[in-house]
Amino acid sequence: MKQIQIPEELFVLLMKYHLLDMDEVQSEIKKGLMDKMDSITMRLLYSKYKSAPTEEEKQKARQEYLDKRGMLENFRW
């Protein structure tokens, strides 16, 4: 199982929510977890692009990465 690091601020919010029953931090936790999930997704797409075995798969993965990143078509090489 892989380990994932989270920011200290998110960890503190999770502690407050679970140990102190502070429900008001729920939206901040959700945003922090979504940001982390986006970061993981981008890293996986980039890794897929860099390690693709064929040039065709590499270009497909590159396009997927750039689409997810939000890179406009006219700024791509």
Foldseek 3Di string as FASTA:
>chain_A
DDDDDFDPVLVVLVCCCPVVVPCVCVVVNVVRVVVSVLVVVLVVLVVQLVPPPDPVSNVVSVVVNCVSVVPDPVPDD
